[in-house]
């Protein structure tokens, strides 16, 4: 059997098309709480997306010339990319530092990161007044090669390619493509190194975009170290998402996880909590230095100042202490609570920089329309549906076939 025949056939000898058609059939229960909530929102969101491209951005969004960045950029892109940071952090830990105990969650983390980037790039297209301009950095049409946005655009594209290569051995195992699996597995290390470099650059690059809006962002959130803050916060944001997503996967995909990996989950969560506590301490210390240097004490006794204190004390300092205490006491439940609070804090910070604290002194403030909220949720729900489809069919959480282990 040649390589093409091998890829085109599964273990039962069926053609690849029949195999794929069979894989497209739904599995499991349909009437679950998630399905009942997500399906109507997705259908409504898809209709609103059609209206957005048919009649224009203004038909569904409240963005203006003065405030061009709306919920889709601020929440789906700027915030979502931070939560996808777990992929580059874990690949660095597993493949570069050789921390093998985290290997069992590497595939699900890379999958989550790849889907996040793919869908949040889609959300970026939705928020562009002229969506076809998304191709300008690629085709070389009226762009500035020295601009931060040009770099971020190429980092996004190349990092998605790198993540797809990292995940491709899983697809090859699903298709039973042994020769392709061997080739793709040999490309993993190069893709990981390339991907880590790109991810670190664009995590900080997103922050660098806001350096151009000094007069528009509230002084409590603007500083010249925003790129560093975005990079550091992406570490504990991504790992908190790994803890949160792993807690849900343990229940939703319980039958997919081997007994060995189930027993390793507590040790993995325990180890990630230590990293979260350390990076959150670095982040909080940097924020404190920046605040003291900026001499913004008079702003603390204002509405925005109180909101800033809530973010820093309630959703950075407090979960940081929780992570530290729970690590010392090996309290897994407390670690999960700390991860959830950290995620709220990251959402607050990214929205404060991109939306809430942006043009905070304008006479008419930007408030997202209900249609923007529905579309933002639609992007997330479709991502979860595809994530679930992949988990139920490919060896992401479950063990690889025996033949694939020879290529590792």
Protein backbone atom coordinates (compact mmCIF):
# COMPACT_ATOMS: atom_id res chain seq x y z
CA UNK A 1 0.00 0.00 0.00
CA UNK A 2 1.46 3.39 -1.00
CA UNK A 3 1.28 6.53 1.10
CA UNK A 4 -1.78 7.98 -0.65
CA UNK A 5 -3.72 4.77 -0.21
CA UNK A 6 -2.67 4.62 3.41
CA UNK A 7 -4.01 8.12 4.10
CA UNK A 8 -7.19 7.46 2.12
CA UNK A 9 -8.12 4.39 4.13
CA UNK A 10 -9.00 3.99 7.77
CA UNK A 11 -8.67 0.84 9.80
CA UNK A 12 -11.87 -0.65 8.35
CA UNK A 13 -10.86 -0.08 4.72
CA UNK A 14 -13.45 2.62 4.05
CA UNK A 15 -12.59 5.54 1.77
CA UNK A 16 -11.47 8.75 3.38
CA UNK A 17 -14.64 10.50 2.21
CA UNK A 18 -16.91 7.94 3.82
CA UNK A 19 -14.78 8.13 6.93
CA UNK A 20 -15.05 11.92 7.08
CA UNK A 21 -18.78 11.80 6.36
CA UNK A 22 -19.20 9.42 9.28
CA UNK A 23 -17.18 11.70 11.52
CA UNK A 24 -19.47 14.61 10.70
CA UNK A 25 -22.44 12.88 12.27
CA UNK A 26 -23.41 14.29 15.68
CA UNK A 27 -22.55 12.34 18.79
CA UNK A 28 -23.91 12.42 22.29
CA UNK A 29 -27.01 14.09 23.64
CA UNK A 30 -28.51 17.06 21.84
CA UNK A 31 -30.63 18.54 24.60
CA UNK A 32 -27.91 19.64 26.98
CA UNK A 33 -27.87 23.00 28.81
CA UNK A 34 -24.97 24.24 26.68
CA UNK A 35 -26.68 23.29 23.41
CA UNK A 36 -30.00 24.82 24.46
CA UNK A 37 -28.28 28.12 25.31
CA UNK A 38 -25.72 28.26 22.50
CA UNK A 39 -27.73 27.19 19.44
CA UNK A 40 -30.27 30.08 19.48
CA UNK A 41 -27.47 32.59 20.13
CA UNK A 42 -25.38 31.17 17.27
CA UNK A 43 -28.31 31.30 14.83
CA UNK A 44 -29.13 34.88 15.81
CA UNK A 45 -25.44 35.82 15.71
CA UNK A 46 -24.98 34.39 12.21
CA UNK A 47 -27.99 36.41 11.02
CA UNK A 48 -26.46 39.56 12.52
CA UNK A 49 -23.12 38.81 10.84
CA UNK A 50 -24.93 38.62 7.49
CA UNK A 51 -26.54 41.99 8.20
CA UNK A 52 -23.16 43.42 9.23
CA UNK A 53 -21.56 42.49 5.88
CA UNK A 54 -24.70 43.35 3.90
CA UNK A 55 -25.54 46.76 5.31
CA UNK A 56 -22.31 47.76 7.02
CA UNK A 57 -20.72 47.91 10.45
CA UNK A 58 -22.96 50.71 11.68
CA UNK A 59 -26.09 48.57 11.40
CA UNK A 60 -25.09 46.30 14.26
CA UNK A 61 -22.30 48.18 16.08
CA UNK A 62 -21.99 51.41 18.07
CA UNK A 63 -18.38 52.10 17.04
CA UNK A 64 -17.68 55.55 15.62
CA UNK A 65 -14.85 57.46 13.94
CA UNK A 66 -13.83 58.71 17.39
CA UNK A 67 -14.00 55.25 19.00
CA UNK A 68 -13.16 52.78 16.20
CA UNK A 69 -12.33 49.87 18.50
CA UNK A 70 -15.44 48.07 19.72
CA UNK A 71 -16.29 44.98 21.72
CA UNK A 72 -15.10 42.54 19.07
CA UNK A 73 -11.57 43.94 19.13
CA UNK A 74 -11.47 44.71 22.85
CA UNK A 75 -12.99 41.43 24.06
CA UNK A 76 -12.60 38.76 21.37
CA UNK A 77 -9.20 39.87 20.08
CA UNK A 78 -7.26 41.76 22.77
CA UNK A 79 -8.66 39.73 25.69
CA UNK A 80 -8.98 36.41 23.86
CA UNK A 81 -5.37 36.44 22.67
CA UNK A 82 -4.19 36.82 26.28
CA UNK A 83 -6.12 33.67 27.26
CA UNK A 84 -4.56 31.82 24.32
CA UNK A 85 -1.14 32.47 25.84
CA UNK A 86 -1.19 29.10 27.58
CA UNK A 87 -0.16 27.46 24.30
CA UNK A 88 3.21 29.18 23.98
CA UNK A 89 3.91 28.93 27.71
CA UNK A 90 3.21 25.18 27.89
CA UNK A 91 5.04 24.33 24.66
CA UNK A 92 8.06 26.16 26.07
CA UNK A 93 7.79 24.21 29.32
CA UNK A 94 7.34 20.81 27.64
CA UNK A 95 9.54 20.99 24.54
CA UNK A 96 12.26 23.44 25.62
CA UNK A 97 12.49 22.92 29.40
CA UNK A 98 11.56 19.21 29.05
CA UNK A 99 8.97 19.36 31.86
CA UNK A 100 7.35 16.07 30.83
CA UNK A 101 4.65 15.99 33.48
CA UNK A 102 2.72 18.62 31.50
CA UNK A 103 2.86 16.65 28.25
CA UNK A 104 -0.60 15.14 28.69
CA UNK A 105 -2.27 18.57 28.36
CA UNK A 106 -0.10 19.97 25.58
CA UNK A 107 -2.36 18.91 22.72
CA UNK A 108 -5.57 20.27 24.19
CA UNK A 109 -3.80 23.54 25.02
CA UNK A 110 -2.40 23.93 21.50
CA UNK A 111 -5.83 23.11 20.04
CA UNK A 112 -7.45 25.73 22.23
CA UNK A 113 -4.80 28.27 21.23
CA UNK A 114 -5.14 27.55 17.52
CA UNK A 115 -8.94 27.83 17.56
CA UNK A 116 -8.72 31.01 19.63
CA UNK A 117 -6.43 32.70 17.13
CA UNK A 118 -8.46 31.51 14.13
CA UNK A 119 -11.77 32.74 15.54
CA UNK A 120 -10.44 35.94 17.04
CA UNK A 121 -8.86 36.82 13.69
CA UNK A 122 -12.38 36.36 12.34
CA UNK A 123 -13.71 38.72 15.00
CA UNK A 124 -11.10 41.24 13.88
CA UNK A 125 -12.47 41.08 10.34
CA UNK A 126 -15.97 41.78 11.69
CA UNK A 127 -14.79 44.96 13.41
CA UNK A 128 -13.08 46.44 10.34
CA UNK A 129 -15.09 49.06 8.50
CA UNK A 130 -13.64 47.73 5.26
CA UNK A 131 -13.02 44.05 6.01
CA UNK A 132 -11.22 43.35 2.75
CA UNK A 133 -8.34 45.48 4.04
CA UNK A 134 -7.42 42.57 6.32
CA UNK A 135 -5.36 41.24 3.39
CA UNK A 136 -3.31 44.40 2.95
CA UNK A 137 -0.34 43.28 5.11
CA UNK A 138 -0.24 39.98 3.20
CA UNK A 139 -0.46 41.24 -0.37
CA UNK A 140 1.59 44.38 0.21
CA UNK A 141 -1.15 46.90 -0.52
CA UNK A 142 -0.75 50.30 1.14
CA UNK A 143 0.79 49.20 4.43
CA UNK A 144 3.69 50.46 6.46
CA UNK A 145 6.27 47.73 6.98
CA UNK A 146 7.63 49.52 10.03
CA UNK A 147 4.26 49.80 11.80
CA UNK A 148 3.37 47.76 14.88
CA UNK A 149 0.06 46.71 13.30
CA UNK A 150 1.90 45.24 10.32
CA UNK A 151 4.07 43.18 12.65
CA UNK A 152 1.10 42.01 14.73
CA UNK A 153 -0.78 40.98 11.57
CA UNK A 154 2.09 38.84 10.30
CA UNK A 155 2.73 37.44 13.79
CA UNK A 156 -0.92 36.37 13.96
CA UNK A 157 -0.81 34.66 10.58
CA UNK A 158 2.50 32.89 11.08
CA UNK A 159 1.68 31.83 14.63
CA UNK A 160 -1.56 30.19 13.45
CA UNK A 161 0.49 28.27 10.86
CA UNK A 162 2.98 27.23 13.56
CA UNK A 163 0.19 26.04 15.86
CA UNK A 164 -1.43 24.08 13.04
CA UNK A 165 1.89 22.31 12.43
CA UNK A 166 2.21 21.59 16.16
CA UNK A 167 -1.27 20.06 16.18
CA UNK A 168 -1.00 18.28 12.81
CA UNK A 169 0.38 14.97 14.19
CA UNK A 170 -2.94 14.60 16.04
CA UNK A 171 -4.83 14.99 12.75
CA UNK A 172 -2.54 12.42 11.13
CA UNK A 173 -3.27 9.96 13.95
CA UNK A 174 -7.00 10.54 13.48
CA UNK A 175 -6.69 9.74 9.76
CA UNK A 176 -4.29 6.84 10.31
CA UNK A 177 -1.69 8.57 8.12
CA UNK A 178 1.49 6.97 9.43
CA UNK A 179 3.97 8.37 6.92
CA UNK A 180 2.55 11.87 7.19
CA UNK A 181 2.62 11.56 10.98
CA UNK A 182 6.32 10.77 10.94
CA UNK A 183 7.08 13.83 8.80
CA UNK A 184 4.84 16.17 10.80
CA UNK A 185 6.23 14.95 14.13
CA UNK A 186 9.71 15.80 12.88
CA UNK A 187 8.57 19.37 12.21
CA UNK A 188 7.12 19.90 15.70
CA UNK A 189 10.22 21.22 17.45
CA UNK A 190 10.95 23.82 14.76
CA UNK A 191 7.29 24.93 14.81
CA UNK A 192 7.38 25.20 18.61
CA UNK A 193 10.50 27.40 18.66
CA UNK A 194 9.13 29.56 15.86
CA UNK A 195 5.73 29.77 17.53
CA UNK A 196 7.09 30.74 20.96
CA UNK A 197 9.09 33.58 19.40
CA UNK A 198 6.11 34.85 17.42
CA UNK A 199 3.72 34.61 20.35
CA UNK A 200 5.94 36.58 22.69
CA UNK A 201 6.36 39.26 20.03
CA UNK A 202 2.69 39.71 19.26
CA UNK A 203 1.54 39.50 22.89
CA UNK A 204 3.73 42.52 23.58
CA UNK A 205 2.91 43.95 20.14
CA UNK A 206 -0.76 44.19 21.01
CA UNK A 207 0.22 46.31 23.98
CA UNK A 208 2.51 48.41 21.79
CA UNK A 209 -0.49 49.39 19.66
CA UNK A 210 -1.86 51.36 22.62
CA UNK A 211 1.35 53.37 22.96
CA UNK A 212 0.01 55.47 20.09
CA UNK A 213 -3.07 56.46 22.10
CA UNK A 214 -1.46 58.25 25.04
CA UNK A 215 -3.92 61.14 25.03
CA UNK A 216 -6.92 58.83 24.71
CA UNK A 217 -6.32 56.23 27.45
CA UNK A 218 -6.90 57.00 31.13
CA UNK A 219 -3.57 57.73 32.94
CA UNK A 220 -4.15 54.88 35.39
CA UNK A 221 -3.95 52.37 32.53
CA UNK A 222 -1.57 54.09 30.13
CA UNK A 223 2.18 53.79 30.58
CA UNK A 224 5.19 53.19 28.37
CA UNK A 225 5.46 49.62 29.71
CA UNK A 226 2.11 48.39 28.32
CA UNK A 227 3.90 45.91 25.95
CA UNK A 228 5.73 44.35 28.92
CA UNK A 229 2.53 44.25 30.98
CA UNK A 230 0.64 42.53 28.15
CA UNK A 231 3.39 39.93 27.76
CA UNK A 232 3.70 39.12 31.49
CA UNK A 233 -0.07 39.03 32.02
CA UNK A 234 -0.49 36.67 29.05
CA UNK A 235 1.50 34.05 31.00
CA UNK A 236 -0.80 33.83 34.02
CA UNK A 237 -3.87 34.57 31.87
CA UNK A 238 -3.08 31.62 29.60
CA UNK A 239 -2.26 29.24 32.45
CA UNK A 240 -5.40 30.27 34.35
CA UNK A 241 -7.39 29.42 31.23
CA UNK A 242 -5.59 26.05 31.09
CA UNK A 243 -6.65 25.36 34.70
CA UNK A 244 -10.22 26.54 34.04
CA UNK A 245 -10.60 24.69 30.74
CA UNK A 246 -9.00 21.57 32.19
CA UNK A 247 -11.48 21.54 35.08
CA UNK A 248 -14.38 21.58 32.61
CA UNK A 249 -12.77 19.01 30.29
CA UNK A 250 -12.26 16.63 33.20
CA UNK A 251 -16.05 16.47 33.56
CA UNK A 252 -17.22 16.95 29.96
CA UNK A 253 -14.71 14.50 28.43
CA UNK A 254 -14.19 12.19 31.39
CA UNK A 255 -14.29 9.07 29.20
CA UNK A 256 -11.53 10.42 26.92
CA UNK A 257 -8.90 10.72 29.63
CA UNK A 258 -6.82 7.73 30.68
CA UNK A 259 -6.60 6.77 34.33
CA UNK A 260 -2.92 7.70 34.37
CA UNK A 261 -3.64 11.22 33.11
CA UNK A 262 -6.56 11.62 35.51
CA UNK A 263 -4.25 10.94 38.40
CA UNK A 264 -1.71 13.44 37.04
CA UNK A 265 -4.24 16.29 36.81
CA UNK A 266 -3.87 17.42 40.42
CA UNK A 267 -0.08 17.52 40.14
CA UNK A 268 -0.35 19.52 36.91
CA UNK A 269 -2.76 22.08 38.39
CA UNK A 270 -0.59 22.32 41.50
CA UNK A 271 2.49 23.08 39.40
CA UNK A 272 0.70 25.67 37.24
CA UNK A 273 -0.50 27.50 40.34
CA UNK A 274 3.12 28.14 41.37
CA UNK A 275 3.91 29.68 37.98
CA UNK A 276 0.76 31.82 38.12
CA UNK A 277 1.64 33.09 41.60
CA UNK A 278 5.18 34.01 40.51
CA UNK A 279 4.21 35.82 37.31
CA UNK A 280 1.34 37.63 39.04
CA UNK A 281 3.75 38.87 41.68
CA UNK A 282 6.05 40.20 38.93
CA UNK A 283 3.09 41.85 37.20
CA UNK A 284 1.75 43.43 40.40
CA UNK A 285 5.21 44.68 41.37
CA UNK A 286 5.70 46.24 37.93
CA UNK A 287 2.28 47.90 38.09
CA UNK A 288 3.11 49.26 41.54
CA UNK A 289 6.41 50.72 40.32
CA UNK A 290 4.72 52.30 37.31
CA UNK A 291 1.98 53.80 39.48
CA UNK A 292 4.44 55.26 42.00
CA UNK A 293 6.59 56.65 39.20
CA UNK A 294 3.54 58.20 37.52
CA UNK A 295 2.44 59.99 40.71
CA UNK A 296 -1.27 59.47 40.08
CA UNK A 297 -2.31 59.43 43.74
CA UNK A 298 -4.95 62.10 43.17
CA UNK A 299 -6.76 59.87 40.67
CA UNK A 300 -7.39 57.07 43.17
CA UNK A 301 -10.24 58.93 44.87
CA UNK A 302 -12.30 59.06 41.68
CA UNK A 303 -14.71 56.63 40.03
CA UNK A 304 -12.04 55.37 37.65
CA UNK A 305 -9.58 55.22 40.53
CA UNK A 306 -11.88 52.97 42.53
CA UNK A 307 -12.31 50.78 39.46
CA UNK A 308 -8.52 50.59 39.09
CA UNK A 309 -8.12 49.57 42.74
CA UNK A 310 -10.76 46.87 42.31
CA UNK A 311 -8.86 45.46 39.37
CA UNK A 312 -5.44 45.54 41.04
CA UNK A 313 -6.39 44.51 44.58
CA UNK A 314 -9.43 42.33 43.97
CA UNK A 315 -8.38 40.52 40.80
CA UNK A 316 -4.58 40.59 40.83
CA UNK A 317 -3.33 40.76 44.42
CA UNK A 318 -6.09 38.62 45.95
CA UNK A 319 -5.93 35.71 43.44
CA UNK A 320 -2.12 35.92 43.58
CA UNK A 321 -2.29 35.30 47.34
CA UNK A 322 -4.83 32.52 46.75
CA UNK A 323 -2.49 30.85 44.27
CA UNK A 324 0.41 31.06 46.73
CA UNK A 325 -1.59 29.78 49.73
CA UNK A 326 -3.28 27.01 47.74
CA UNK A 327 0.08 25.92 46.34
CA UNK A 328 1.52 25.67 49.85
CA UNK A 329 -1.55 23.76 51.08
CA UNK A 330 -2.04 21.77 47.87
CA UNK A 331 -5.67 22.92 47.76
CA UNK A 332 -6.88 22.20 44.21
CA UNK A 333 -10.32 23.75 44.73
CA UNK A 334 -8.79 27.02 45.87
CA UNK A 335 -6.43 26.98 42.88
CA UNK A 336 -9.42 26.72 40.52
CA UNK A 337 -11.12 29.64 42.29
CA UNK A 338 -7.94 31.69 41.99
CA UNK A 339 -7.74 30.86 38.26
CA UNK A 340 -11.34 32.00 37.74
CA UNK A 341 -10.75 35.28 39.59
CA UNK A 342 -7.57 35.83 37.59
CA UNK A 343 -9.48 35.41 34.34
CA UNK A 344 -11.98 38.06 35.47
CA UNK A 345 -9.07 40.37 36.28
CA UNK A 346 -7.49 39.88 32.85
CA UNK A 347 -10.82 40.63 31.15
CA UNK A 348 -11.15 43.80 33.25
CA UNK A 349 -7.63 44.94 32.43
CA UNK A 350 -7.90 44.39 28.68
CA UNK A 351 -11.31 46.07 28.52
CA UNK A 352 -10.10 48.93 30.69
CA UNK A 353 -7.23 49.61 28.30
CA UNK A 354 -9.14 49.11 25.04
CA UNK A 355 -12.71 50.25 25.85
CA UNK A 356 -13.57 51.46 29.36
CA UNK A 357 -10.50 53.65 29.85
CA UNK A 358 -10.36 54.65 26.18
CA UNK A 359 -11.80 58.15 25.60
CA UNK A 360 -13.10 58.00 29.15
CA UNK A 361 -13.61 61.78 29.12
CA UNK A 362 -15.65 61.90 25.90
CA UNK A 363 -19.07 63.57 26.04
CA UNK A 364 -20.66 60.48 24.48
CA UNK A 365 -19.12 57.21 25.64
CA UNK A 366 -19.02 54.04 23.58
CA UNK A 367 -21.38 51.34 24.86
CA UNK A 368 -21.61 48.11 22.83
CA UNK A 369 -24.99 47.32 21.33
CA UNK A 370 -26.84 44.14 22.22
CA UNK A 371 -26.07 42.93 18.70
CA UNK A 372 -22.34 43.28 19.32
CA UNK A 373 -22.70 41.20 22.49
CA UNK A 374 -24.61 38.47 20.61
CA UNK A 375 -21.99 38.30 17.85
CA UNK A 376 -19.16 38.21 20.40
CA UNK A 377 -20.84 35.26 22.14
CA UNK A 378 -21.47 33.60 18.76
CA UNK A 379 -17.75 33.61 17.98
CA UNK A 380 -16.98 31.99 21.34
CA UNK A 381 -19.78 29.41 21.13
CA UNK A 382 -18.83 28.28 17.61
CA UNK A 383 -15.25 27.92 18.81
CA UNK A 384 -16.44 25.71 21.69
CA UNK A 385 -18.57 23.60 19.32
CA UNK A 386 -15.58 22.93 17.06
CA UNK A 387 -13.34 22.32 20.08
CA UNK A 388 -15.81 19.70 21.34
CA UNK A 389 -16.10 18.11 17.88
CA UNK A 390 -12.32 17.70 17.66
CA UNK A 391 -11.97 16.36 21.21
CA UNK A 392 -14.64 13.70 20.60
CA UNK A 393 -12.94 12.44 17.43
CA UNK A 394 -9.20 13.01 17.58
CA UNK A 395 -6.66 11.69 20.11
CA UNK A 396 -6.32 15.00 21.94
CA UNK A 397 -7.11 13.94 25.50
CA UNK A 398 -6.99 10.20 24.98
CA UNK A 399 -3.79 8.28 24.30
CA UNK A 400 -2.26 8.15 20.83
CA UNK A 401 -2.37 4.84 18.90
CA UNK A 402 0.56 2.55 19.58
CA UNK A 403 2.10 3.05 16.13
CA UNK A 404 2.27 6.83 16.62
CA UNK A 405 4.41 6.52 19.75
CA UNK A 406 7.28 5.25 17.59
CA UNK A 407 7.60 8.71 16.01
CA UNK A 408 7.91 10.60 19.30
